[in-house]
Amino acid sequence: MNKCRDDAVNEKAREKAIKILDVFEELLDKYEINIPDENKRNLYECRIYGSNYYFLEDKITEIIEVEE
């Protein structure tokens, strides 16, 4: 694979990961469940926030990249 192709695959995988996280956030929102984060200032900012969000985004992206 060339660099441009790798970047396109990575970007596509990250976009899919974000969509998957959106689904989880909607479910957490439905049940009013928050994932704690030490940097969260407002209880209603996001259900998954900060380092927790980016950790999940990275892990989901890795899984998708392996599959593609």
C-alpha atoms as a PDB file:
ATOM      1  CA  MET A   1       0.000   0.000   0.000  1.00  0.00           C
ATOM      2  CA  ASN A   2       1.175   3.498  -0.661  1.00  0.00           C
ATOM      3  CA  LYS A   3       1.051   6.413   1.789  1.00  0.00           C
ATOM      4  CA  CYS A   4      -1.973   8.099   0.161  1.00  0.00           C
ATOM      5  CA  ARG A   5      -3.926   4.845   0.206  1.00  0.00           C
ATOM      6  CA  ASP A   6      -2.968   4.239   3.857  1.00  0.00           C
ATOM      7  CA  ASP A   7      -4.160   7.725   4.802  1.00  0.00           C
ATOM      8  CA  ALA A   8      -7.452   7.218   2.963  1.00  0.00           C
ATOM      9  CA  VAL A   9      -8.029   3.857   4.672  1.00  0.00           C
ATOM     10  CA  ASN A  10      -7.168   5.358   8.064  1.00  0.00           C
ATOM     11  CA  GLU A  11      -9.507   8.305   7.514  1.00  0.00           C
ATOM     12  CA  LYS A  12     -12.330   6.040   6.365  1.00  0.00           C
ATOM     13  CA  ALA A  13     -11.825   3.740   9.364  1.00  0.00           C
ATOM     14  CA  ARG A  14     -11.828   6.719  11.749  1.00  0.00           C
ATOM     15  CA  GLU A  15     -15.063   8.053  10.225  1.00  0.00           C
ATOM     16  CA  LYS A  16     -16.683   4.642  10.757  1.00  0.00           C
ATOM     17  CA  ALA A  17     -15.418   4.558  14.338  1.00  0.00           C
ATOM     18  CA  ILE A  18     -16.982   7.959  15.026  1.00  0.00           C
ATOM     19  CA  LYS A  19     -20.316   6.760  13.626  1.00  0.00           C
ATOM     20  CA  ILE A  20     -20.163   3.703  15.892  1.00  0.00           C
ATOM     21  CA  LEU A  21     -19.419   5.920  18.893  1.00  0.00           C
ATOM     22  CA  ASP A  22     -22.429   8.074  17.986  1.00  0.00           C
ATOM     23  CA  VAL A  23     -24.647   4.991  18.253  1.00  0.00           C
ATOM     24  CA  PHE A  24     -23.265   4.212  21.710  1.00  0.00           C
ATOM     25  CA  GLU A  25     -23.703   7.818  22.833  1.00  0.00           C
ATOM     26  CA  GLU A  26     -27.348   7.751  21.741  1.00  0.00           C
ATOM     27  CA  LEU A  27     -27.946   4.605  23.798  1.00  0.00           C
ATOM     28  CA  LEU A  28     -26.167   6.070  26.816  1.00  0.00           C
ATOM     29  CA  ASP A  29     -28.210   9.241  26.387  1.00  0.00           C
ATOM     30  CA  LYS A  30     -31.448   7.251  26.286  1.00  0.00           C
ATOM     31  CA  TYR A  31     -30.649   5.694  29.661  1.00  0.00           C
ATOM     32  CA  GLU A  32     -28.965   8.836  31.052  1.00  0.00           C
ATOM     33  CA  ILE A  33     -25.666   7.031  31.605  1.00  0.00           C
ATOM     34  CA  ASN A  34     -22.445   9.027  31.722  1.00  0.00           C
ATOM     35  CA  ILE A  35     -18.943   7.613  31.462  1.00  0.00           C
ATOM     36  CA  PRO A  36     -16.901   9.480  34.090  1.00  0.00           C
ATOM     37  CA  ASP A  37     -13.985  11.647  32.979  1.00  0.00           C
ATOM     38  CA  GLU A  38     -11.876  13.850  35.235  1.00  0.00           C
ATOM     39  CA  ASN A  39     -11.895  16.695  32.668  1.00  0.00           C
ATOM     40  CA  LYS A  40     -15.674  16.782  32.220  1.00  0.00           C
ATOM     41  CA  ARG A  41     -17.040  20.008  33.667  1.00  0.00           C
ATOM     42  CA  ASN A  42     -20.680  19.685  32.743  1.00  0.00           C
ATOM     43  CA  LEU A  43     -22.589  16.478  33.443  1.00  0.00           C
ATOM     44  CA  TYR A  44     -24.510  16.867  30.173  1.00  0.00           C
ATOM     45  CA  GLU A  45     -21.601  17.735  27.840  1.00  0.00           C
ATOM     46  CA  CYS A  46     -21.330  14.280  26.283  1.00  0.00           C
ATOM     47  CA  ARG A  47     -21.979  10.774  27.501  1.00  0.00           C
ATOM     48  CA  ILE A  48     -18.475   9.698  26.461  1.00  0.00           C
ATOM     49  CA  TYR A  49     -15.963  12.503  26.879  1.00  0.00           C
ATOM     50  CA  GLY A  50     -12.292  13.369  26.587  1.00  0.00           C
ATOM     51  CA  SER A  51      -9.672  10.665  26.929  1.00  0.00           C
ATOM     52  CA  ASN A  52     -12.339   7.957  27.194  1.00  0.00           C
ATOM     53  CA  TYR A  53     -13.831   9.023  23.874  1.00  0.00           C
ATOM     54  CA  TYR A  54     -10.464   9.134  22.105  1.00  0.00           C
ATOM     55  CA  PHE A  55      -9.385   5.808  23.610  1.00  0.00           C
ATOM     56  CA  LEU A  56     -12.525   4.141  22.244  1.00  0.00           C
ATOM     57  CA  GLU A  57     -12.216   5.934  18.901  1.00  0.00           C
ATOM     58  CA  ASP A  58      -8.632   4.705  18.499  1.00  0.00           C
ATOM     59  CA  LYS A  59      -9.461   1.115  19.484  1.00  0.00           C
ATOM     60  CA  ILE A  60     -12.499   0.918  17.182  1.00  0.00           C
ATOM     61  CA  THR A  61     -10.454   2.441  14.346  1.00  0.00           C
ATOM     62  CA  GLU A  62      -7.760  -0.204  14.849  1.00  0.00           C
ATOM     63  CA  ILE A  63     -10.346  -2.985  14.639  1.00  0.00           C
ATOM     64  CA  ILE A  64     -11.846  -1.549  11.457  1.00  0.00           C
ATOM     65  CA  GLU A  65      -8.420  -1.098   9.851  1.00  0.00           C
ATOM     66  CA  VAL A  66      -7.557  -4.747  10.468  1.00  0.00           C
ATOM     67  CA  GLU A  67     -10.848  -5.800   8.872  1.00  0.00           C
ATOM     68  CA  GLU A  68     -10.280  -3.681   5.752  1.00  0.00           C
END
